[in-house]
Amino acid sequence: MTPKNIKVKHEERSGDKDYLKKAEDNYNQMLVSINVGNFNAAGTLAIQCAISSADAICVSEKGVRCVSDNHLDTCDLVGSIALPEAKEKANILMRIIRKKNLIQYEKRSIYQSEAEEIVKAATRFYQWVASQVK
């Protein structure tokens, strides 16, 4: 069951690794970007890494992924997964997604400290998902 009528798409559970591959690609490029000082790119890639990671864990555990226009619904879907750490990880995902507007649509560039913070959060979330999706 999905929480509060979140719009989802049913997926074959075997597709979890496809979403994890997308997350891995974004993760690797996020690390390159942060290391060479491309903070805007690192932030954008962190968001994409987190969203693809969320798709991977949701497809793996529930056979669905969120297709809502509101990315925060993805956090609720992750939080509803029957894993002990799911609610905690959903909160990390929420912190990442809440930075999306600033990073991708605001005029100003993100600061190094903001990029480092979101990269750290995305790393934690991605690594958790990677440890769960086998």
N, C-alpha and C. Protein backbone atom coordinates (compact mmCIF):
# COMPACT_ATOMS: atom_id res chain seq x y z
N MET A 1 0.84 -1.18 0.00
CA MET A 1 0.00 0.00 0.00
C MET A 1 0.88 1.24 0.00
N THR A 2 0.50 2.22 -0.78
CA THR A 2 1.26 3.47 -0.81
C THR A 2 0.60 4.49 0.11
N PRO A 3 1.40 5.33 0.75
CA PRO A 3 0.84 6.33 1.66
C PRO A 3 0.10 7.44 0.91
N LYS A 4 -0.92 7.95 1.52
CA LYS A 4 -1.72 9.11 1.10
C LYS A 4 -1.91 9.26 -0.41
N ASN A 5 -2.26 8.19 -1.07
CA ASN A 5 -2.60 8.23 -2.50
C ASN A 5 -1.53 8.87 -3.38
N ILE A 6 -0.31 8.49 -3.16
CA ILE A 6 0.79 8.96 -3.99
C ILE A 6 0.67 8.32 -5.36
N LYS A 7 0.87 9.12 -6.39
CA LYS A 7 0.81 8.61 -7.76
C LYS A 7 2.06 7.77 -8.02
N VAL A 8 1.84 6.49 -8.32
CA VAL A 8 2.96 5.57 -8.55
C VAL A 8 2.79 4.84 -9.87
N LYS A 9 3.90 4.29 -10.32
CA LYS A 9 3.90 3.43 -11.50
C LYS A 9 4.40 2.07 -11.06
N HIS A 10 3.67 1.03 -11.40
CA HIS A 10 4.09 -0.33 -11.07
C HIS A 10 5.24 -0.73 -12.00
N GLU A 11 6.24 -1.36 -11.41
CA GLU A 11 7.45 -1.76 -12.14
C GLU A 11 7.80 -3.19 -11.74
N GLU A 12 8.45 -3.89 -12.65
CA GLU A 12 9.01 -5.19 -12.30
C GLU A 12 10.12 -4.96 -11.28
N ARG A 13 10.13 -5.75 -10.24
CA ARG A 13 11.14 -5.57 -9.19
C ARG A 13 12.56 -5.73 -9.72
N SER A 14 12.71 -6.49 -10.77
CA SER A 14 14.04 -6.68 -11.35
C SER A 14 14.60 -5.38 -11.95
N GLY A 15 13.75 -4.39 -12.15
CA GLY A 15 14.19 -3.10 -12.67
C GLY A 15 14.93 -2.25 -11.65
N ASP A 16 14.96 -2.71 -10.41
CA ASP A 16 15.64 -1.95 -9.36
C ASP A 16 17.11 -1.68 -9.70
N LYS A 17 17.76 -2.64 -10.33
CA LYS A 17 19.17 -2.48 -10.67
C LYS A 17 19.40 -1.44 -11.78
N ASP A 18 18.41 -1.27 -12.64
CA ASP A 18 18.50 -0.23 -13.68
C ASP A 18 18.49 1.16 -13.04
N TYR A 19 17.61 1.35 -12.05
CA TYR A 19 17.57 2.63 -11.35
C TYR A 19 18.82 2.83 -10.50
N LEU A 20 19.31 1.74 -9.92
CA LEU A 20 20.54 1.84 -9.13
C LEU A 20 21.73 2.21 -10.02
N LYS A 21 21.76 1.71 -11.24
CA LYS A 21 22.84 2.06 -12.18
C LYS A 21 22.80 3.56 -12.48
N LYS A 22 21.61 4.10 -12.69
CA LYS A 22 21.49 5.55 -12.91
C LYS A 22 22.02 6.31 -11.69
N ALA A 23 21.63 5.84 -10.50
CA ALA A 23 22.08 6.47 -9.27
C ALA A 23 23.60 6.40 -9.16
N GLU A 24 24.17 5.24 -9.49
CA GLU A 24 25.62 5.07 -9.43
C GLU A 24 26.34 6.02 -10.39
N ASP A 25 25.83 6.15 -11.60
CA ASP A 25 26.44 7.07 -12.57
C ASP A 25 26.43 8.50 -12.04
N ASN A 26 25.28 8.92 -11.50
CA ASN A 26 25.17 10.28 -10.94
C ASN A 26 26.07 10.43 -9.71
N TYR A 27 26.14 9.41 -8.90
CA TYR A 27 27.00 9.43 -7.71
C TYR A 27 28.46 9.64 -8.10
N ASN A 28 28.93 8.85 -9.05
CA ASN A 28 30.33 8.95 -9.46
C ASN A 28 30.65 10.33 -10.04
N GLN A 29 29.77 10.87 -10.86
CA GLN A 29 30.01 12.19 -11.44
C GLN A 29 29.85 13.31 -10.40
N MET A 30 29.00 13.08 -9.41
CA MET A 30 28.85 14.02 -8.30
C MET A 30 30.18 14.17 -7.57
N LEU A 31 30.83 13.04 -7.31
CA LEU A 31 32.12 13.07 -6.61
C LEU A 31 33.19 13.78 -7.44
N VAL A 32 33.20 13.53 -8.73
CA VAL A 32 34.15 14.23 -9.61
C VAL A 32 33.89 15.73 -9.55
N SER A 33 32.62 16.11 -9.66
CA SER A 33 32.25 17.54 -9.68
C SER A 33 32.65 18.25 -8.40
N ILE A 34 32.37 17.65 -7.26
CA ILE A 34 32.70 18.30 -5.99
C ILE A 34 34.22 18.43 -5.84
N ASN A 35 34.94 17.42 -6.32
CA ASN A 35 36.40 17.43 -6.18
C ASN A 35 37.08 18.46 -7.07
N VAL A 36 36.44 18.86 -8.16
CA VAL A 36 37.05 19.88 -9.04
C VAL A 36 36.40 21.25 -8.85
N GLY A 37 35.53 21.38 -7.84
CA GLY A 37 34.95 22.67 -7.52
C GLY A 37 33.75 23.08 -8.34
N ASN A 38 33.13 22.15 -9.04
CA ASN A 38 31.89 22.44 -9.78
C ASN A 38 30.71 22.19 -8.86
N PHE A 39 30.45 23.16 -7.98
CA PHE A 39 29.49 22.97 -6.91
C PHE A 39 28.05 22.88 -7.40
N ASN A 40 27.70 23.67 -8.41
CA ASN A 40 26.34 23.58 -8.96
C ASN A 40 26.09 22.21 -9.57
N ALA A 41 27.07 21.71 -10.32
CA ALA A 41 26.94 20.38 -10.93
C ALA A 41 26.86 19.31 -9.84
N ALA A 42 27.68 19.44 -8.83
CA ALA A 42 27.66 18.46 -7.74
C ALA A 42 26.29 18.43 -7.06
N GLY A 43 25.70 19.60 -6.86
CA GLY A 43 24.38 19.66 -6.24
C GLY A 43 23.30 19.03 -7.11
N THR A 44 23.33 19.35 -8.39
CA THR A 44 22.35 18.78 -9.32
C THR A 44 22.50 17.26 -9.39
N LEU A 45 23.73 16.80 -9.47
CA LEU A 45 23.97 15.35 -9.54
C LEU A 45 23.59 14.66 -8.24
N ALA A 46 23.75 15.34 -7.11
CA ALA A 46 23.34 14.77 -5.83
C ALA A 46 21.83 14.55 -5.80
N ILE A 47 21.09 15.53 -6.31
CA ILE A 47 19.63 15.40 -6.37
C ILE A 47 19.24 14.24 -7.28
N GLN A 48 19.84 14.17 -8.45
CA GLN A 48 19.53 13.09 -9.40
C GLN A 48 19.92 11.73 -8.83
N CYS A 49 21.06 11.66 -8.15
CA CYS A 49 21.49 10.43 -7.51
C CYS A 49 20.46 9.99 -6.47
N ALA A 50 20.00 10.91 -5.67
CA ALA A 50 19.04 10.59 -4.61
C ALA A 50 17.70 10.12 -5.20
N ILE A 51 17.23 10.79 -6.23
CA ILE A 51 15.95 10.41 -6.83
C ILE A 51 16.04 9.04 -7.48
N SER A 52 17.11 8.78 -8.21
CA SER A 52 17.27 7.45 -8.82
C SER A 52 17.46 6.38 -7.74
N SER A 53 18.15 6.72 -6.66
CA SER A 53 18.30 5.79 -5.55
C SER A 53 16.95 5.47 -4.93
N ALA A 54 16.13 6.50 -4.76
CA ALA A 54 14.79 6.28 -4.21
C ALA A 54 13.97 5.38 -5.13
N ASP A 55 14.07 5.61 -6.43
CA ASP A 55 13.36 4.74 -7.37
C ASP A 55 13.84 3.30 -7.22
N ALA A 56 15.14 3.11 -7.07
CA ALA A 56 15.71 1.76 -6.94
C ALA A 56 15.18 1.04 -5.71
N ILE A 57 15.18 1.71 -4.56
CA ILE A 57 14.74 1.05 -3.33
C ILE A 57 13.23 0.82 -3.34
N CYS A 58 12.48 1.73 -3.91
CA CYS A 58 11.02 1.56 -3.97
C CYS A 58 10.63 0.43 -4.92
N VAL A 59 11.29 0.36 -6.06
CA VAL A 59 11.02 -0.72 -7.01
C VAL A 59 11.43 -2.06 -6.38
N SER A 60 12.57 -2.08 -5.72
CA SER A 60 13.05 -3.31 -5.09
C SER A 60 12.11 -3.80 -3.99
N GLU A 61 11.68 -2.90 -3.14
CA GLU A 61 10.91 -3.28 -1.96
C GLU A 61 9.40 -3.31 -2.17
N LYS A 62 8.89 -2.46 -3.08
CA LYS A 62 7.44 -2.33 -3.24
C LYS A 62 6.93 -2.62 -4.64
N GLY A 63 7.84 -2.66 -5.61
CA GLY A 63 7.41 -2.89 -6.99
C GLY A 63 6.75 -1.67 -7.62
N VAL A 64 7.02 -0.49 -7.06
CA VAL A 64 6.49 0.76 -7.59
C VAL A 64 7.55 1.85 -7.46
N ARG A 65 7.35 2.92 -8.24
CA ARG A 65 8.14 4.14 -8.04
C ARG A 65 7.19 5.32 -8.13
N CYS A 66 7.57 6.39 -7.49
CA CYS A 66 6.75 7.59 -7.46
C CYS A 66 6.82 8.31 -8.80
N VAL A 67 5.65 8.69 -9.33
CA VAL A 67 5.60 9.49 -10.56
C VAL A 67 4.83 10.79 -10.33
N SER A 68 4.72 11.17 -9.09
CA SER A 68 4.05 12.41 -8.72
C SER A 68 4.86 13.61 -9.19
N ASP A 69 4.20 14.69 -9.48
CA ASP A 69 4.88 15.94 -9.82
C ASP A 69 5.65 16.51 -8.62
N ASN A 70 5.24 16.12 -7.44
CA ASN A 70 5.87 16.60 -6.21
C ASN A 70 6.92 15.58 -5.76
N HIS A 71 8.19 15.92 -5.90
CA HIS A 71 9.26 14.99 -5.52
C HIS A 71 9.23 14.64 -4.03
N LEU A 72 8.64 15.49 -3.21
CA LEU A 72 8.56 15.17 -1.79
C LEU A 72 7.67 13.96 -1.53
N ASP A 73 6.77 13.63 -2.45
CA ASP A 73 5.98 12.40 -2.31
C ASP A 73 6.88 11.17 -2.32
N THR A 74 7.99 11.27 -3.02
CA THR A 74 8.95 10.16 -3.05
C THR A 74 9.46 9.87 -1.64
N CYS A 75 9.63 10.91 -0.85
CA CYS A 75 10.09 10.72 0.54
C CYS A 75 9.08 9.92 1.34
N ASP A 76 7.80 10.21 1.16
CA ASP A 76 6.75 9.46 1.86
C ASP A 76 6.75 8.00 1.42
N LEU A 77 6.96 7.78 0.13
CA LEU A 77 6.99 6.41 -0.38
C LEU A 77 8.19 5.65 0.21
N VAL A 78 9.35 6.28 0.25
CA VAL A 78 10.52 5.64 0.86
C VAL A 78 10.26 5.37 2.34
N GLY A 79 9.65 6.32 3.02
CA GLY A 79 9.36 6.16 4.45
C GLY A 79 8.38 5.03 4.75
N SER A 80 7.61 4.62 3.75
CA SER A 80 6.62 3.55 3.95
C SER A 80 7.20 2.15 3.70
N ILE A 81 8.47 2.09 3.30
CA ILE A 81 9.12 0.80 3.06
C ILE A 81 9.32 0.07 4.38
N ALA A 82 9.12 -1.23 4.36
CA ALA A 82 9.21 -2.04 5.58
C ALA A 82 10.66 -2.42 5.89
N LEU A 83 11.51 -1.43 6.03
CA LEU A 83 12.89 -1.63 6.48
C LEU A 83 13.10 -0.74 7.71
N PRO A 84 13.87 -1.21 8.69
CA PRO A 84 14.01 -0.45 9.93
C PRO A 84 14.51 0.98 9.74
N GLU A 85 15.39 1.22 8.77
CA GLU A 85 15.98 2.55 8.60
C GLU A 85 15.21 3.42 7.63
N ALA A 86 14.12 2.94 7.08
CA ALA A 86 13.44 3.64 5.98
C ALA A 86 12.99 5.06 6.36
N LYS A 87 12.42 5.23 7.53
CA LYS A 87 11.95 6.57 7.91
C LYS A 87 13.11 7.55 8.06
N GLU A 88 14.19 7.09 8.68
CA GLU A 88 15.37 7.94 8.83
C GLU A 88 15.94 8.31 7.47
N LYS A 89 16.02 7.36 6.56
CA LYS A 89 16.56 7.63 5.23
C LYS A 89 15.63 8.51 4.41
N ALA A 90 14.33 8.37 4.64
CA ALA A 90 13.36 9.24 3.96
C ALA A 90 13.57 10.69 4.39
N ASN A 91 13.96 10.91 5.64
CA ASN A 91 14.24 12.27 6.11
C ASN A 91 15.49 12.84 5.44
N ILE A 92 16.49 12.00 5.23
CA ILE A 92 17.69 12.45 4.50
C ILE A 92 17.31 12.84 3.09
N LEU A 93 16.51 11.98 2.44
CA LEU A 93 16.04 12.27 1.08
C LEU A 93 15.27 13.59 1.04
N MET A 94 14.44 13.83 2.03
CA MET A 94 13.67 15.07 2.08
C MET A 94 14.58 16.29 2.15
N ARG A 95 15.63 16.21 2.95
CA ARG A 95 16.58 17.33 3.05
C ARG A 95 17.24 17.59 1.70
N ILE A 96 17.54 16.54 0.97
CA ILE A 96 18.16 16.69 -0.36
C ILE A 96 17.18 17.34 -1.33
N ILE A 97 15.99 16.81 -1.40
CA ILE A 97 14.99 17.29 -2.37
C ILE A 97 14.58 18.74 -2.08
N ARG A 98 14.57 19.10 -0.82
CA ARG A 98 14.21 20.49 -0.47
C ARG A 98 15.21 21.51 -1.01
N LYS A 99 16.40 21.06 -1.38
CA LYS A 99 17.42 21.95 -1.95
C LYS A 99 17.30 22.07 -3.47
N LYS A 100 16.41 21.29 -4.07
CA LYS A 100 16.30 21.23 -5.53
C LYS A 100 16.04 22.60 -6.16
N ASN A 101 15.10 23.34 -5.62
CA ASN A 101 14.76 24.64 -6.19
C ASN A 101 15.96 25.59 -6.14
N LEU A 102 16.61 25.65 -5.00
CA LEU A 102 17.79 26.52 -4.85
C LEU A 102 18.87 26.14 -5.86
N ILE A 103 19.15 24.88 -5.96
CA ILE A 103 20.27 24.43 -6.80
C ILE A 103 19.97 24.56 -8.28
N GLN A 104 18.77 24.20 -8.69
CA GLN A 104 18.48 24.12 -10.11
C GLN A 104 17.78 25.34 -10.70
N TYR A 105 17.14 26.15 -9.87
CA TYR A 105 16.33 27.22 -10.45
C TYR A 105 16.64 28.62 -9.96
N GLU A 106 17.34 28.74 -8.83
CA GLU A 106 17.67 30.07 -8.32
C GLU A 106 18.81 30.68 -9.12
N LYS A 107 18.89 31.99 -9.10
CA LYS A 107 19.91 32.71 -9.84
C LYS A 107 21.31 32.47 -9.30
N ARG A 108 21.43 32.45 -7.99
CA ARG A 108 22.77 32.36 -7.41
C ARG A 108 23.29 30.93 -7.44
N SER A 109 24.59 30.83 -7.52
CA SER A 109 25.25 29.53 -7.44
C SER A 109 25.25 29.06 -5.98
N ILE A 110 25.31 27.76 -5.80
CA ILE A 110 25.37 27.27 -4.43
C ILE A 110 26.79 27.41 -3.91
N TYR A 111 26.87 27.57 -2.61
CA TYR A 111 28.16 27.73 -1.95
C TYR A 111 28.83 26.36 -1.78
N GLN A 112 30.12 26.39 -1.62
CA GLN A 112 30.87 25.15 -1.41
C GLN A 112 30.30 24.38 -0.22
N SER A 113 30.00 25.07 0.86
CA SER A 113 29.48 24.39 2.06
C SER A 113 28.13 23.72 1.78
N GLU A 114 27.29 24.37 0.97
CA GLU A 114 26.00 23.78 0.60
C GLU A 114 26.20 22.53 -0.26
N ALA A 115 27.13 22.63 -1.19
CA ALA A 115 27.43 21.49 -2.06
C ALA A 115 27.97 20.32 -1.23
N GLU A 116 28.87 20.61 -0.33
CA GLU A 116 29.44 19.55 0.51
C GLU A 116 28.37 18.88 1.37
N GLU A 117 27.45 19.68 1.88
CA GLU A 117 26.36 19.15 2.71
C GLU A 117 25.45 18.21 1.91
N ILE A 118 25.04 18.63 0.72
CA ILE A 118 24.13 17.81 -0.08
C ILE A 118 24.84 16.57 -0.63
N VAL A 119 26.12 16.70 -0.96
CA VAL A 119 26.89 15.54 -1.42
C VAL A 119 27.01 14.51 -0.29
N LYS A 120 27.24 14.97 0.91
CA LYS A 120 27.32 14.07 2.06
C LYS A 120 25.99 13.35 2.28
N ALA A 121 24.89 14.08 2.21
CA ALA A 121 23.57 13.47 2.39
C ALA A 121 23.26 12.48 1.27
N ALA A 122 23.55 12.86 0.04
CA ALA A 122 23.29 11.98 -1.10
C ALA A 122 24.15 10.72 -1.01
N THR A 123 25.37 10.86 -0.55
CA THR A 123 26.25 9.71 -0.37
C THR A 123 25.65 8.73 0.64
N ARG A 124 25.20 9.25 1.76
CA ARG A 124 24.58 8.38 2.78
C ARG A 124 23.36 7.66 2.23
N PHE A 125 22.52 8.38 1.52
CA PHE A 125 21.30 7.78 1.00
C PHE A 125 21.63 6.74 -0.08
N TYR A 126 22.50 7.11 -1.01
CA TYR A 126 22.89 6.19 -2.08
C TYR A 126 23.52 4.92 -1.52
N GLN A 127 24.43 5.06 -0.57
CA GLN A 127 25.11 3.89 -0.02
C GLN A 127 24.14 2.97 0.71
N TRP A 128 23.16 3.55 1.38
CA TRP A 128 22.14 2.73 2.03
C TRP A 128 21.36 1.94 1.00
N VAL A 129 20.92 2.63 -0.05
CA VAL A 129 20.15 1.95 -1.10
C VAL A 129 21.00 0.85 -1.75
N ALA A 130 22.23 1.16 -2.08
CA ALA A 130 23.11 0.18 -2.72
C ALA A 130 23.31 -1.05 -1.84
N SER A 131 23.31 -0.86 -0.52
CA SER A 131 23.47 -2.01 0.38
C SER A 131 22.19 -2.86 0.46
N GLN A 132 21.05 -2.28 0.10
CA GLN A 132 19.77 -2.98 0.18
C GLN A 132 19.38 -3.66 -1.14
N VAL A 133 19.72 -3.02 -2.25
CA VAL A 133 19.34 -3.54 -3.56
C VAL A 133 20.40 -4.53 -3.99
N LYS A 134 20.03 -5.76 -4.06
CA LYS A 134 21.01 -6.82 -4.38
C LYS A 134 20.71 -7.42 -5.73
